[in-house]
C-alpha atoms as a PDB file:
ATOM      1  CA  MET A   1      85.140  20.575  50.704  1.00  0.00           C
ATOM      2  CA  LYS A   2      85.516  18.791  47.078  1.00  0.00           C
ATOM      3  CA  ARG A   3      86.443  15.409  49.049  1.00  0.00           C
ATOM      4  CA  THR A   4      83.427  16.103  51.613  1.00  0.00           C
ATOM      5  CA  HIS A   5      80.412  16.542  48.665  1.00  0.00           C
ATOM      6  CA  LEU A   6      81.856  13.923  46.362  1.00  0.00           C
ATOM      7  CA  PRO A   7      80.433  10.787  48.022  1.00  0.00           C
ATOM      8  CA  PHE A   8      77.290  12.643  48.444  1.00  0.00           C
ATOM      9  CA  CYS A   9      76.731  12.829  44.576  1.00  0.00           C
ATOM     10  CA  ILE A  10      77.639   9.459  43.820  1.00  0.00           C
ATOM     11  CA  VAL A  11      75.058   7.990  46.593  1.00  0.00           C
ATOM     12  CA  THR A  12      72.798   9.984  45.088  1.00  0.00           C
ATOM     13  CA  ALA A  13      73.045   8.892  41.162  1.00  0.00           C
ATOM     14  CA  CYS A  14      73.615   5.614  42.052  1.00  0.00           C
ATOM     15  CA  CYS A  15      70.012   5.397  44.194  1.00  0.00           C
ATOM     16  CA  THR A  16      68.370   6.862  40.869  1.00  0.00           C
ATOM     17  CA  TRP A  17      69.963   4.555  38.063  1.00  0.00           C
ATOM     18  CA  ILE A  18      68.603   2.080  40.769  1.00  0.00           C
ATOM     19  CA  GLY A  19      64.723   3.177  40.807  1.00  0.00           C
ATOM     20  CA  LEU A  20      64.753   3.441  37.411  1.00  0.00           C
ATOM     21  CA  VAL A  21      65.994   0.030  36.850  1.00  0.00           C
ATOM     22  CA  ARG A  22      63.302  -1.195  39.196  1.00  0.00           C
ATOM     23  CA  VAL A  23      60.640   0.693  37.126  1.00  0.00           C
ATOM     24  CA  LEU A  24      61.491  -0.078  33.975  1.00  0.00           C
ATOM     25  CA  PRO A  25      60.915  -3.895  33.821  1.00  0.00           C
ATOM     26  CA  VAL A  26      57.414  -3.710  35.136  1.00  0.00           C
ATOM     27  CA  HIS A  27      56.206  -1.693  32.008  1.00  0.00           C
ATOM     28  CA  ALA A  28      58.193  -4.538  29.836  1.00  0.00           C
ATOM     29  CA  GLN A  29      56.672  -7.192  31.762  1.00  0.00           C
ATOM     30  CA  ASP A  30      52.938  -5.740  32.160  1.00  0.00           C
ATOM     31  CA  GLY A  31      52.995  -5.047  28.230  1.00  0.00           C
ATOM     32  CA  PRO A  32      50.506  -1.867  26.517  1.00  0.00           C
ATOM     33  CA  LEU A  33      47.138  -1.404  28.519  1.00  0.00           C
ATOM     34  CA  PRO A  34      44.171  -2.215  26.950  1.00  0.00           C
ATOM     35  CA  ALA A  35      42.326  -0.168  24.900  1.00  0.00           C
ATOM     36  CA  PRO A  36      39.135   1.138  26.010  1.00  0.00           C
ATOM     37  CA  VAL A  37      36.028   0.625  24.401  1.00  0.00           C
ATOM     38  CA  ILE A  38      32.444   0.732  23.607  1.00  0.00           C
ATOM     39  CA  VAL A  39      30.479  -2.146  22.315  1.00  0.00           C
ATOM     40  CA  ALA A  40      27.056  -3.158  20.563  1.00  0.00           C
ATOM     41  CA  GLU A  41      25.598  -6.597  20.369  1.00  0.00           C
ATOM     42  CA  ILE A  42      24.705  -8.206  17.320  1.00  0.00           C
ATOM     43  CA  GLN A  43      20.987  -8.507  16.609  1.00  0.00           C
ATOM     44  CA  GLN A  44      19.092 -10.796  14.212  1.00  0.00           C
ATOM     45  CA  ARG A  45      15.962  -9.693  12.945  1.00  0.00           C
ATOM     46  CA  ILE A  46      13.774  -8.524  10.370  1.00  0.00           C
ATOM     47  CA  ILE A  47      14.529  -5.484   8.564  1.00  0.00           C
ATOM     48  CA  VAL A  48      11.300  -2.953   8.115  1.00  0.00           C
ATOM     49  CA  ASP A  49      11.766  -0.343   5.775  1.00  0.00           C
ATOM     50  CA  HIS A  50       9.784   2.747   6.838  1.00  0.00           C
ATOM     51  CA  ILE A  51       8.106   4.769   3.890  1.00  0.00           C
ATOM     52  CA  GLU A  52       6.191   7.607   2.702  1.00  0.00           C
ATOM     53  CA  LEU A  53       4.652   8.006  -0.473  1.00  0.00           C
ATOM     54  CA  ILE A  54       2.295  10.975  -1.500  1.00  0.00           C
ATOM     55  CA  GLY A  55      -1.128  10.243  -3.384  1.00  0.00           C
ATOM     56  CA  THR A  56      -4.434  11.294  -4.375  1.00  0.00           C
ATOM     57  CA  ALA A  57      -7.593  10.741  -2.707  1.00  0.00           C
ATOM     58  CA  HIS A  58     -10.503   9.277  -4.663  1.00  0.00           C
ATOM     59  CA  PRO A  59     -13.542   7.647  -3.743  1.00  0.00           C
ATOM     60  CA  ARG A  60     -14.224   3.753  -3.243  1.00  0.00           C
ATOM     61  CA  ARG A  61     -16.747   4.052  -6.345  1.00  0.00           C
ATOM     62  CA  THR A  62     -17.467   6.630  -8.840  1.00  0.00           C
ATOM     63  CA  SER A  63     -19.437   6.107 -12.066  1.00  0.00           C
ATOM     64  CA  LEU A  64     -21.150   8.193 -14.824  1.00  0.00           C
ATOM     65  CA  VAL A  65     -24.236   6.486 -14.691  1.00  0.00           C
ATOM     66  CA  ALA A  66     -26.192   5.991 -18.002  1.00  0.00           C
ATOM     67  CA  SER A  67     -29.433   5.904 -19.498  1.00  0.00           C
ATOM     68  CA  ALA A  68     -31.084   2.539 -20.487  1.00  0.00           C
ATOM     69  CA  SER A  69     -33.859   4.090 -22.467  1.00  0.00           C
ATOM     70  CA  GLU A  70     -34.181   7.118 -24.627  1.00  0.00           C
ATOM     71  CA  GLY A  71     -36.017   9.846 -23.936  1.00  0.00           C
ATOM     72  CA  LYS A  72     -37.002  13.763 -22.697  1.00  0.00           C
ATOM     73  CA  VAL A  73     -35.764  14.657 -19.316  1.00  0.00           C
ATOM     74  CA  VAL A  74     -38.650  15.589 -17.657  1.00  0.00           C
ATOM     75  CA  ALA A  75     -37.738  15.665 -14.131  1.00  0.00           C
ATOM     76  CA  ARG A  76     -34.749  15.536 -11.976  1.00  0.00           C
ATOM     77  CA  PHE A  77     -35.177  14.530  -8.515  1.00  0.00           C
ATOM     78  CA  LYS A  78     -31.350  15.221  -6.815  1.00  0.00           C
ATOM     79  CA  GLU A  79     -28.924  18.055  -7.548  1.00  0.00           C
ATOM     80  CA  PRO A  80     -25.205  18.157  -6.850  1.00  0.00           C
ATOM     81  CA  GLY A  81     -24.057  17.467  -3.402  1.00  0.00           C
ATOM     82  CA  GLN A  82     -27.070  15.782  -2.098  1.00  0.00           C
ATOM     83  CA  ALA A  83     -26.894  12.010  -1.071  1.00  0.00           C
ATOM     84  CA  LEU A  84     -28.194   9.387  -2.551  1.00  0.00           C
ATOM     85  CA  VAL A  85     -29.663   5.747  -1.693  1.00  0.00           C
ATOM     86  CA  ARG A  86     -29.097   2.780  -4.128  1.00  0.00           C
ATOM     87  CA  GLY A  87     -32.059   2.229  -6.546  1.00  0.00           C
ATOM     88  CA  GLU A  88     -33.222   6.080  -5.777  1.00  0.00           C
ATOM     89  CA  ARG A  89     -34.407   8.205  -8.440  1.00  0.00           C
ATOM     90  CA  ILE A  90     -32.152  10.586 -10.023  1.00  0.00           C
ATOM     91  CA  LEU A  91     -34.206  11.670 -13.449  1.00  0.00           C
ATOM     92  CA  LEU A  92     -37.473  10.693 -15.024  1.00  0.00           C
ATOM     93  CA  LEU A  93     -37.654  10.940 -18.997  1.00  0.00           C
ATOM     94  CA  ASN A  94     -40.616  10.612 -21.268  1.00  0.00           C
ATOM     95  CA  ASN A  95     -40.824   8.993 -24.470  1.00  0.00           C
ATOM     96  CA  ASP A  96     -44.427   9.189 -26.007  1.00  0.00           C
ATOM     97  CA  ASP A  97     -43.044   6.481 -28.949  1.00  0.00           C
ATOM     98  CA  LEU A  98     -42.622   3.853 -26.066  1.00  0.00           C
ATOM     99  CA  GLN A  99     -45.988   4.736 -24.755  1.00  0.00           C
ATOM    100  CA  ALA A 100     -47.787   4.010 -28.195  1.00  0.00           C
ATOM    101  CA  ARG A 101     -45.650   0.764 -28.781  1.00  0.00           C
ATOM    102  CA  LEU A 102     -46.577  -0.636 -25.427  1.00  0.00           C
ATOM    103  CA  ILE A 103     -50.271  -0.320 -26.926  1.00  0.00           C
ATOM    104  CA  SER A 104     -49.338  -1.888 -29.985  1.00  0.00           C
ATOM    105  CA  VAL A 105     -47.764  -4.626 -28.657  1.00  0.00           C
ATOM    106  CA  THR A 106     -50.054  -5.593 -26.044  1.00  0.00           C
ATOM    107  CA  ALA A 107     -52.798  -5.720 -28.589  1.00  0.00           C
ATOM    108  CA  ASP A 108     -50.393  -7.950 -30.581  1.00  0.00           C
ATOM    109  CA  LEU A 109     -49.415  -9.960 -27.917  1.00  0.00           C
ATOM    110  CA  ARG A 110     -53.616 -10.677 -26.822  1.00  0.00           C
ATOM    111  CA  LEU A 111     -54.169 -11.583 -30.653  1.00  0.00           C
ATOM    112  CA  ARG A 112     -50.997 -13.973 -30.538  1.00  0.00           C
ATOM    113  CA  THR A 113     -52.074 -15.169 -27.047  1.00  0.00           C
ATOM    114  CA  PHE A 114     -55.614 -16.533 -28.688  1.00  0.00           C
ATOM    115  CA  ARG A 115     -54.228 -18.125 -31.512  1.00  0.00           C
ATOM    116  CA  ARG A 116     -51.570 -19.948 -29.273  1.00  0.00           C
ATOM    117  CA  ASP A 117     -54.867 -21.150 -27.717  1.00  0.00           C
ATOM    118  CA  HIS A 118     -56.849 -22.032 -30.421  1.00  0.00           C
ATOM    119  CA  SER A 119     -54.248 -24.143 -31.972  1.00  0.00           C
ATOM    120  CA  GLN A 120     -53.477 -26.254 -28.934  1.00  0.00           C
ATOM    121  CA  GLY A 121     -56.985 -27.373 -29.165  1.00  0.00           C
ATOM    122  CA  LEU A 122     -56.963 -28.327 -33.040  1.00  0.00           C
ATOM    123  CA  ARG A 123     -53.798 -29.974 -32.504  1.00  0.00           C
ATOM    124  CA  ALA A 124     -55.170 -31.849 -29.695  1.00  0.00           C
ATOM    125  CA  SER A 125     -58.433 -32.933 -31.844  1.00  0.00           C
ATOM    126  CA  GLU A 126     -55.315 -33.500 -34.652  1.00  0.00           C
ATOM    127  CA  ALA A 127     -56.856 -31.033 -36.916  1.00  0.00           C
ATOM    128  CA  ILE A 128     -53.458 -29.472 -37.340  1.00  0.00           C
ATOM    129  CA  SER A 129     -50.196 -30.651 -38.018  1.00  0.00           C
ATOM    130  CA  GLU A 130     -47.376 -30.475 -35.151  1.00  0.00           C
ATOM    131  CA  ASP A 131     -45.503 -27.936 -37.344  1.00  0.00           C
ATOM    132  CA  GLU A 132     -48.585 -25.742 -37.571  1.00  0.00           C
ATOM    133  CA  GLU A 133     -48.832 -25.738 -33.379  1.00  0.00           C
ATOM    134  CA  ILE A 134     -45.350 -25.204 -33.144  1.00  0.00           C
ATOM    135  CA  ALA A 135     -45.193 -22.223 -35.445  1.00  0.00           C
ATOM    136  CA  THR A 136     -48.225 -20.967 -33.824  1.00  0.00           C
ATOM    137  CA  GLN A 137     -46.071 -20.917 -30.350  1.00  0.00           C
ATOM    138  CA  SER A 138     -43.106 -19.149 -31.782  1.00  0.00           C
ATOM    139  CA  GLU A 139     -45.250 -16.167 -33.131  1.00  0.00           C
ATOM    140  CA  PHE A 140     -46.687 -16.015 -29.395  1.00  0.00           C
ATOM    141  CA  ASP A 141     -43.063 -16.287 -27.983  1.00  0.00           C
ATOM    142  CA  ARG A 142     -41.894 -13.263 -29.902  1.00  0.00           C
ATOM    143  CA  ALA A 143     -44.856 -11.330 -29.045  1.00  0.00           C
ATOM    144  CA  ARG A 144     -44.385 -11.591 -25.454  1.00  0.00           C
ATOM    145  CA  ALA A 145     -40.797 -10.827 -25.899  1.00  0.00           C
ATOM    146  CA  GLU A 146     -41.525  -7.888 -27.579  1.00  0.00           C
ATOM    147  CA  MET A 147     -43.767  -6.717 -24.703  1.00  0.00           C
ATOM    148  CA  GLN A 148     -41.250  -7.611 -22.140  1.00  0.00           C
ATOM    149  CA  ASP A 149     -38.597  -5.160 -23.801  1.00  0.00           C
ATOM    150  CA  VAL A 150     -40.944  -2.103 -24.465  1.00  0.00           C
ATOM    151  CA  ARG A 151     -41.958  -2.547 -20.582  1.00  0.00           C
ATOM    152  CA  THR A 152     -38.534  -2.587 -19.503  1.00  0.00           C
ATOM    153  CA  ARG A 153     -37.440   0.378 -21.802  1.00  0.00           C
ATOM    154  CA  ILE A 154     -40.413   2.423 -20.593  1.00  0.00           C
ATOM    155  CA  ALA A 155     -39.556   1.332 -16.545  1.00  0.00           C
ATOM    156  CA  ASP A 156     -35.625   2.844 -17.467  1.00  0.00           C
ATOM    157  CA  LEU A 157     -37.218   5.914 -18.501  1.00  0.00           C
ATOM    158  CA  THR A 158     -36.675   6.506 -14.624  1.00  0.00           C
ATOM    159  CA  VAL A 159     -32.896   6.541 -14.045  1.00  0.00           C
ATOM    160  CA  ARG A 160     -31.403   5.467 -10.456  1.00  0.00           C
ATOM    161  CA  ALA A 161     -28.715   5.344  -8.220  1.00  0.00           C
ATOM    162  CA  PRO A 162     -26.725   2.250  -9.008  1.00  0.00           C
ATOM    163  CA  PHE A 163     -25.294   2.415  -4.808  1.00  0.00           C
ATOM    164  CA  ASP A 164     -25.208   4.775  -2.084  1.00  0.00           C
ATOM    165  CA  GLY A 165     -23.502   7.810  -2.537  1.00  0.00           C
ATOM    166  CA  ALA A 166     -23.618  11.302  -3.555  1.00  0.00           C
ATOM    167  CA  MET A 167     -24.376  13.321  -6.551  1.00  0.00           C
ATOM    168  CA  VAL A 168     -21.322  15.206  -7.828  1.00  0.00           C
ATOM    169  CA  GLU A 169     -22.817  16.489 -11.377  1.00  0.00           C
ATOM    170  CA  SER A 170     -25.936  16.286 -13.277  1.00  0.00           C
ATOM    171  CA  LEU A 171     -24.889  16.038 -17.174  1.00  0.00           C
ATOM    172  CA  VAL A 172     -28.132  17.037 -18.419  1.00  0.00           C
ATOM    173  CA  GLU A 173     -31.146  19.553 -17.797  1.00  0.00           C
ATOM    174  CA  ILE A 174     -34.574  19.526 -18.136  1.00  0.00           C
ATOM    175  CA  GLY A 175     -35.988  19.526 -21.492  1.00  0.00           C
ATOM    176  CA  GLU A 176     -32.891  17.966 -22.979  1.00  0.00           C
ATOM    177  CA  TRP A 177     -33.142  14.839 -24.981  1.00  0.00           C
ATOM    178  CA  VAL A 178     -31.478  11.515 -23.862  1.00  0.00           C
ATOM    179  CA  ASP A 179     -30.128   8.975 -25.872  1.00  0.00           C
ATOM    180  CA  ARG A 180     -29.881   4.960 -24.940  1.00  0.00           C
ATOM    181  CA  GLY A 181     -26.375   5.014 -22.983  1.00  0.00           C
ATOM    182  CA  GLN A 182     -25.624   8.549 -22.853  1.00  0.00           C
ATOM    183  CA  SER A 183     -24.424   9.358 -19.336  1.00  0.00           C
ATOM    184  CA  VAL A 184     -26.508  11.620 -17.523  1.00  0.00           C
ATOM    185  CA  ALA A 185     -25.064  11.797 -14.078  1.00  0.00           C
ATOM    186  CA  HIS A 186     -21.698  11.518 -12.023  1.00  0.00           C
ATOM    187  CA  VAL A 187     -22.247   9.831  -8.629  1.00  0.00           C
ATOM    188  CA  VAL A 188     -19.456   8.376  -6.321  1.00  0.00           C
ATOM    189  CA  ALA A 189     -19.692   6.024  -2.827  1.00  0.00           C
ATOM    190  CA  ALA A 190     -17.738   8.149  -0.562  1.00  0.00           C
ATOM    191  CA  ASP A 191     -18.379   5.757   2.647  1.00  0.00           C
ATOM    192  CA  THR A 192     -14.994   4.336   1.799  1.00  0.00           C
ATOM    193  CA  ALA A 193     -11.952   6.364   0.164  1.00  0.00           C
ATOM    194  CA  ARG A 194      -9.120   5.139  -1.375  1.00  0.00           C
ATOM    195  CA  VAL A 195      -5.633   6.508  -2.185  1.00  0.00           C
ATOM    196  CA  TYR A 196      -3.319   5.718  -5.131  1.00  0.00           C
ATOM    197  CA  VAL A 197       0.487   5.490  -4.844  1.00  0.00           C
ATOM    198  CA  ASN A 198       3.561   4.659  -6.862  1.00  0.00           C
ATOM    199  CA  ILE A 199       5.959   2.364  -5.141  1.00  0.00           C
ATOM    200  CA  PRO A 200       9.373   2.012  -6.004  1.00  0.00           C
ATOM    201  CA  GLU A 201      10.089  -1.539  -7.716  1.00  0.00           C
ATOM    202  CA  ARG A 202      12.185  -3.037  -5.008  1.00  0.00           C
ATOM    203  CA  TYR A 203       9.590  -2.986  -2.665  1.00  0.00           C
ATOM    204  CA  VAL A 204       6.627  -4.014  -4.470  1.00  0.00           C
ATOM    205  CA  ASP A 205       7.278  -8.151  -3.767  1.00  0.00           C
ATOM    206  CA  ARG A 206       7.173  -7.464  -0.322  1.00  0.00           C
ATOM    207  CA  LEU A 207       3.830  -5.855  -0.522  1.00  0.00           C
ATOM    208  CA  ARG A 208       0.915  -8.337  -0.177  1.00  0.00           C
ATOM    209  CA  PRO A 209      -3.617  -7.296  -0.393  1.00  0.00           C
ATOM    210  CA  GLY A 210      -4.367  -6.627   3.288  1.00  0.00           C
ATOM    211  CA  SER A 211      -1.207  -5.372   4.445  1.00  0.00           C
ATOM    212  CA  PRO A 212      -1.450  -2.574   6.890  1.00  0.00           C
ATOM    213  CA  ALA A 213      -0.880   1.109   5.873  1.00  0.00           C
ATOM    214  CA  VAL A 214      -1.157   4.143   7.553  1.00  0.00           C
ATOM    215  CA  VAL A 215      -2.923   7.144   5.800  1.00  0.00           C
ATOM    216  CA  THR A 216      -2.999  11.025   6.904  1.00  0.00           C
ATOM    217  CA  ILE A 217      -4.885  13.817   5.136  1.00  0.00           C
ATOM    218  CA  ALA A 218      -2.880  17.531   5.765  1.00  0.00           C
ATOM    219  CA  ALA A 219      -5.436  19.348   4.862  1.00  0.00           C
ATOM    220  CA  LEU A 220      -8.442  17.853   7.080  1.00  0.00           C
ATOM    221  CA  GLY A 221      -5.292  17.992  10.209  1.00  0.00           C
ATOM    222  CA  THR A 222      -6.626  14.728  10.481  1.00  0.00           C
ATOM    223  CA  ASP A 223      -4.582  11.927  12.848  1.00  0.00           C
ATOM    224  CA  SER A 224      -3.391   9.117  11.234  1.00  0.00           C
ATOM    225  CA  ILE A 225      -6.042   7.055   9.370  1.00  0.00           C
ATOM    226  CA  GLN A 226      -5.362   3.094   9.449  1.00  0.00           C
ATOM    227  CA  SER A 227      -5.963   1.697   6.357  1.00  0.00           C
ATOM    228  CA  GLN A 228      -4.636  -1.495   4.550  1.00  0.00           C
ATOM    229  CA  ILE A 229      -3.270  -2.257   0.847  1.00  0.00           C
ATOM    230  CA  VAL A 230      -6.477  -3.836  -1.438  1.00  0.00           C
ATOM    231  CA  ALA A 231      -4.547  -4.044  -4.687  1.00  0.00           C
ATOM    232  CA  VAL A 232      -0.583  -4.182  -5.974  1.00  0.00           C
ATOM    233  CA  LEU A 233      -1.175  -3.808  -9.538  1.00  0.00           C
ATOM    234  CA  ALA A 234       0.634  -5.969 -11.877  1.00  0.00           C
ATOM    235  CA  GLN A 235       1.275  -3.254 -14.819  1.00  0.00           C
ATOM    236  CA  GLY A 236       4.063  -0.567 -13.322  1.00  0.00           C
ATOM    237  CA  TYR A 237       5.347   2.341 -15.381  1.00  0.00           C
ATOM    238  CA  ALA A 238       8.455   1.919 -17.272  1.00  0.00           C
ATOM    239  CA  ASP A 239       9.898   5.300 -17.139  1.00  0.00           C
ATOM    240  CA  SER A 240       9.655   5.685 -13.230  1.00  0.00           C
ATOM    241  CA  ARG A 241      10.338   2.016 -12.140  1.00  0.00           C
ATOM    242  CA  THR A 242       7.285   2.332  -9.943  1.00  0.00           C
ATOM    243  CA  PHE A 243       4.032   0.308  -9.630  1.00  0.00           C
ATOM    244  CA  PRO A 244       0.683   1.290  -8.539  1.00  0.00           C
ATOM    245  CA  VAL A 245      -0.699   0.708  -5.060  1.00  0.00           C
ATOM    246  CA  ILE A 246      -4.026   1.139  -3.753  1.00  0.00           C
ATOM    247  CA  VAL A 247      -5.092   1.715  -0.118  1.00  0.00           C
ATOM    248  CA  GLU A 248      -8.329   1.607   1.266  1.00  0.00           C
ATOM    249  CA  PHE A 249      -9.861   3.231   4.821  1.00  0.00           C
ATOM    250  CA  ALA A 250     -13.320   3.720   5.821  1.00  0.00           C
ATOM    251  CA  ASN A 251     -14.431   7.130   5.461  1.00  0.00           C
ATOM    252  CA  PRO A 252     -17.663   7.314   7.661  1.00  0.00           C
ATOM    253  CA  GLY A 253     -18.117  10.895   8.293  1.00  0.00           C
ATOM    254  CA  ARG A 254     -17.065  11.481   4.114  1.00  0.00           C
ATOM    255  CA  ARG A 255     -14.640  13.956   5.014  1.00  0.00           C
ATOM    256  CA  VAL A 256     -12.224  12.792   2.955  1.00  0.00           C
ATOM    257  CA  ARG A 257     -13.094  13.935  -0.628  1.00  0.00           C
ATOM    258  CA  GLY A 258     -11.916  13.004  -4.281  1.00  0.00           C
ATOM    259  CA  GLY A 259      -8.792  14.768  -5.339  1.00  0.00           C
ATOM    260  CA  MET A 260      -7.088  15.671  -1.693  1.00  0.00           C
ATOM    261  CA  SER A 261      -3.561  15.388  -1.438  1.00  0.00           C
ATOM    262  CA  ALA A 262      -2.703  11.981   1.225  1.00  0.00           C
ATOM    263  CA  THR A 263       0.467  10.758   2.682  1.00  0.00           C
ATOM    264  CA  VAL A 264       0.698   6.766   2.661  1.00  0.00           C
ATOM    265  CA  HIS A 265       3.268   5.219   5.663  1.00  0.00           C
ATOM    266  CA  LEU A 266       4.259   2.025   4.951  1.00  0.00           C
ATOM    267  CA  ALA A 267       6.220  -0.228   7.022  1.00  0.00           C
ATOM    268  CA  ILE A 268       7.831  -2.776   4.258  1.00  0.00           C
ATOM    269  CA  ALA A 269       8.989  -5.811   6.334  1.00  0.00           C
ATOM    270  CA  GLU A 270      11.940  -8.157   4.393  1.00  0.00           C
ATOM    271  CA  SER A 271      11.352 -11.845   3.795  1.00  0.00           C
ATOM    272  CA  ALA A 272      14.110 -13.068   5.906  1.00  0.00           C
ATOM    273  CA  GLN A 273      15.989 -11.953   9.117  1.00  0.00           C
ATOM    274  CA  ASP A 274      19.326 -10.593   8.698  1.00  0.00           C
ATOM    275  CA  LEU A 275      22.139  -9.989  11.406  1.00  0.00           C
ATOM    276  CA  LEU A 276      21.990  -5.920  12.071  1.00  0.00           C
ATOM    277  CA  VAL A 277      25.030  -3.897  13.829  1.00  0.00           C
ATOM    278  CA  HIS A 278      25.498  -0.299  15.047  1.00  0.00           C
ATOM    279  CA  LYS A 279      25.997   1.472  11.685  1.00  0.00           C
ATOM    280  CA  ASP A 280      29.377   2.964  13.747  1.00  0.00           C
ATOM    281  CA  ALA A 281      30.991  -0.543  13.776  1.00  0.00           C
ATOM    282  CA  ILE A 282      31.257  -0.538  10.292  1.00  0.00           C
ATOM    283  CA  ILE A 283      34.806   0.742   9.070  1.00  0.00           C
ATOM    284  CA  THR A 284      35.304   1.486   5.676  1.00  0.00           C
ATOM    285  CA  ASP A 285      38.954   1.958   3.536  1.00  0.00           C
ATOM    286  CA  ALA A 286      40.728   0.860   0.833  1.00  0.00           C
ATOM    287  CA  MET A 287      40.314  -3.155   1.781  1.00  0.00           C
ATOM    288  CA  GLY A 288      36.361  -2.486   1.776  1.00  0.00           C
ATOM    289  CA  ALA A 289      33.943  -2.746   5.087  1.00  0.00           C
ATOM    290  CA  HIS A 290      35.315  -4.327   8.296  1.00  0.00           C
ATOM    291  CA  LEU A 291      34.097  -4.119  11.737  1.00  0.00           C
ATOM    292  CA  PHE A 292      36.155  -5.415  14.996  1.00  0.00           C
ATOM    293  CA  VAL A 293      34.317  -7.921  17.637  1.00  0.00           C
ATOM    294  CA  VAL A 294      35.545  -8.709  20.935  1.00  0.00           C
ATOM    295  CA  ARG A 295      36.578 -12.117  21.366  1.00  0.00           C
ATOM    296  CA  ASP A 296      38.579 -13.589  24.535  1.00  0.00           C
ATOM    297  CA  GLY A 297      39.588  -9.549  25.763  1.00  0.00           C
ATOM    298  CA  ALA A 298      40.727  -8.422  22.426  1.00  0.00           C
ATOM    299  CA  ALA A 299      39.772  -7.069  19.222  1.00  0.00           C
ATOM    300  CA  ALA A 300      39.357  -9.683  16.560  1.00  0.00           C
ATOM    301  CA  LEU A 301      39.175  -8.184  12.677  1.00  0.00           C
ATOM    302  CA  GLN A 302      36.259  -8.985  10.427  1.00  0.00           C
ATOM    303  CA  ALA A 303      35.587  -8.148   7.078  1.00  0.00           C
ATOM    304  CA  VAL A 304      31.850  -8.170   6.046  1.00  0.00           C
ATOM    305  CA  SER A 305      29.608  -6.872   3.376  1.00  0.00           C
ATOM    306  CA  THR A 306      26.676  -4.233   3.945  1.00  0.00           C
ATOM    307  CA  GLY A 307      23.138  -4.337   3.444  1.00  0.00           C
ATOM    308  CA  LEU A 308      20.034  -2.261   3.648  1.00  0.00           C
ATOM    309  CA  ALA A 309      19.835   0.338   6.828  1.00  0.00           C
ATOM    310  CA  SER A 310      17.208   0.380   9.406  1.00  0.00           C
ATOM    311  CA  GLN A 311      17.022   2.717  12.217  1.00  0.00           C
ATOM    312  CA  GLY A 312      20.675   3.280  12.634  1.00  0.00           C
ATOM    313  CA  ASP A 313      21.729  -0.401  12.167  1.00  0.00           C
ATOM    314  CA  ILE A 314      23.371  -1.493   8.836  1.00  0.00           C
ATOM    315  CA  ALA A 315      22.664  -5.457   7.634  1.00  0.00           C
ATOM    316  CA  ILE A 316      26.040  -7.374   7.610  1.00  0.00           C
ATOM    317  CA  HIS A 317      27.250 -10.633   6.343  1.00  0.00           C
ATOM    318  CA  GLY A 318      30.882 -12.283   7.426  1.00  0.00           C
ATOM    319  CA  ASP A 319      31.689 -15.515   7.821  1.00  0.00           C
ATOM    320  CA  GLY A 320      32.043 -16.368  11.708  1.00  0.00           C
ATOM    321  CA  LEU A 321      29.505 -13.365  12.791  1.00  0.00           C
ATOM    322  CA  GLN A 322      26.529 -14.506  14.836  1.00  0.00           C
ATOM    323  CA  ALA A 323      23.807 -13.011  16.938  1.00  0.00           C
ATOM    324  CA  GLY A 324      25.447 -12.032  20.597  1.00  0.00           C
ATOM    325  CA  ASP A 325      28.502 -11.149  19.241  1.00  0.00           C
ATOM    326  CA  LEU A 326      29.785  -7.756  20.705  1.00  0.00           C
ATOM    327  CA  ALA A 327      30.919  -5.267  17.760  1.00  0.00           C
ATOM    328  CA  ILE A 328      33.001  -2.206  18.711  1.00  0.00           C
ATOM    329  CA  VAL A 329      31.535   1.073  17.847  1.00  0.00           C
ATOM    330  CA  ARG A 330      33.755   3.582  20.096  1.00  0.00           C
ATOM    331  CA  GLY A 331      37.449   3.092  19.855  1.00  0.00           C
ATOM    332  CA  ASN A 332      37.390   1.064  16.838  1.00  0.00           C
ATOM    333  CA  GLU A 333      39.508   3.603  14.786  1.00  0.00           C
ATOM    334  CA  ARG A 334      42.721   3.539  16.946  1.00  0.00           C
ATOM    335  CA  ILE A 335      42.641  -0.387  17.886  1.00  0.00           C
ATOM    336  CA  ARG A 336      44.437  -3.365  15.843  1.00  0.00           C
ATOM    337  CA  ASP A 337      43.644  -6.777  15.259  1.00  0.00           C
ATOM    338  CA  GLY A 338      44.140  -9.085  18.293  1.00  0.00           C
ATOM    339  CA  GLN A 339      45.020  -6.018  20.490  1.00  0.00           C
ATOM    340  CA  THR A 340      43.576  -6.211  24.400  1.00  0.00           C
ATOM    341  CA  VAL A 341      40.663  -4.219  24.866  1.00  0.00           C
ATOM    342  CA  ARG A 342      38.985  -3.100  28.066  1.00  0.00           C
ATOM    343  CA  VAL A 343      34.715  -2.813  27.565  1.00  0.00           C
ATOM    344  CA  LEU A 344      33.515   0.271  29.153  1.00  0.00           C
ATOM    345  CA  ARG A 345      29.754  -0.423  28.633  1.00  0.00           C
ATOM    346  CA  LYS A 346      27.533  -1.609  25.751  1.00  0.00           C
ATOM    347  CA  LEU A 347      24.971   0.200  24.057  1.00  0.00           C
ATOM    348  CA  GLN A 348      21.463  -0.804  24.240  1.00  0.00           C
END
């Protein structure tokens, strides 16, 4: 029995060993399988930062209307909240002294006119000197100027709207005395609204008057309002390192009122194009930031420096990198420099 089974065992063992010999050289010859990876294309474009800033809405124009003359308020033609047209009457003042002065300067001008005309006739006949004629003409000119001043001050007893808009507040009541230069009414022009926001200093150099902006007014539940930057002020705030920016938009319905909270959306573009790569391509370790790009079917290690982020991408700088290179974004944690890879798909 022992002699019968021994040759069978020996034959079985030999066959197993031969099979192993045939299989093992195949793996040694082919090497490790390519690592499966997912890639994304390196792109070159201008980075656009999207920021939101909270500001306050204001009317385009606001004025504390001053009286150009002095007098007692005898009539008020507009009340707070009412619309105004440029040149429309707001207040009427009365000044009896000015009316009396008008009579006086009118009589004086009549006298000076007669003397001037008389002196011109005398001068024509050489009855008076040229100096006497000039003195008479000067007296006439002074009288005429005084007449013009009185007439202007009387006309200014009617206070008028300086522009189209609305009355916000009347600062005087009927019966009060108003001095020359005193503020008598607060008016605004609400057909155009402005929003004042403070923007961080790193963005200031990339903003220009005329650049587009979008404004939303939460209190009104309005849709986005297309606007534009009208001014970037030269003086900022040292404590916050921000600079005032003025955004303007049409307000035909005058629904946007001064003092409302407004959100300004700005898309701020970089001045030059950058190379951008998907954020998952960047690997950061003790040696710094790097990524792998696919070259000739293998992973090539590339050291990079990173810049601004934009919509899931990061700006990069590195020698030899160019737009169109395929950066590995999945599977890059397990591969080595020079290792063969197999691209499963490319992110769009």
